Amino acid sequence: MALLRRLRDQNRQPPMSEASSDSGDDGRTYSRSELLRGALLTINGIAAGMRNTG
């Protein structure tokens, strides 16, 4: 859920404002391409797991 929140917030906030967020993150800022890649890998992993479990 945090990954999707960060991806959505990327469109609403300047990149450096994420570091001042009080959501308990480690303060690292991620580029939009890094966040999108993480989201796509997560979705593909879930889909592969569902395919293999029948």
Protein backbone atom coordinates (compact mmCIF):
# COMPACT_ATOMS: atom_id res chain seq x y z
CA MET A 1 0.00 0.00 0.00
CA ALA A 2 2.85 2.37 0.76
CA LEU A 3 4.24 1.84 -2.74
CA LEU A 4 0.96 2.84 -4.37
CA ARG A 5 0.65 5.84 -2.03
CA ARG A 6 4.12 7.04 -2.99
CA LEU A 7 3.36 6.58 -6.69
CA ARG A 8 0.14 8.62 -6.39
CA ASP A 9 1.84 11.31 -4.31
CA GLN A 10 4.57 11.65 -6.93
CA ASN A 11 2.05 13.43 -9.18
CA ARG A 12 0.85 15.79 -6.44
CA GLN A 13 4.07 16.85 -4.72
CA PRO A 14 7.49 18.07 -5.71
CA PRO A 15 10.06 15.23 -5.40
CA MET A 16 11.90 16.61 -2.35
CA SER A 17 8.78 17.16 -0.21
CA GLU A 18 8.56 13.40 0.34
CA ALA A 19 11.57 13.61 2.67
CA SER A 20 9.68 15.91 5.05
CA SER A 21 6.69 13.55 5.23
CA ASP A 22 5.76 12.21 8.67
CA SER A 23 4.40 8.87 7.44
CA GLY A 24 7.24 6.92 9.07
CA ASP A 25 9.31 6.40 5.92
CA ASP A 26 13.10 6.36 5.97
CA GLY A 27 13.24 9.72 4.17
CA ARG A 28 14.58 8.43 0.86
CA THR A 29 13.01 9.86 -2.25
CA TYR A 30 12.36 7.60 -5.22
CA SER A 31 12.01 8.56 -8.85
CA ARG A 32 8.74 7.90 -10.63
CA SER A 33 10.38 5.19 -12.74
CA GLU A 34 11.65 3.39 -9.61
CA LEU A 35 8.21 3.48 -8.02
CA LEU A 36 6.50 2.34 -11.21
CA ARG A 37 8.96 -0.53 -11.64
CA GLY A 38 8.36 -1.65 -8.05
CA ALA A 39 4.59 -1.54 -8.53
CA LEU A 40 4.73 -3.50 -11.79
CA LEU A 41 7.05 -6.14 -10.32
CA THR A 42 4.72 -6.53 -7.36
CA ILE A 43 1.63 -6.90 -9.55
CA ASN A 44 3.39 -9.37 -11.85
CA GLY A 45 4.58 -11.40 -8.86
CA ILE A 46 1.06 -11.63 -7.45
CA ALA A 47 -0.32 -12.64 -10.86
CA ALA A 48 2.35 -15.35 -11.26
CA GLY A 49 1.56 -16.69 -7.81
CA MET A 50 -2.15 -16.84 -8.58
CA ARG A 51 -1.46 -18.61 -11.88
CA ASN A 52 0.68 -21.25 -10.19
CA THR A 53 -1.75 -22.00 -7.36
CA GLY A 54 -4.65 -22.88 -9.62
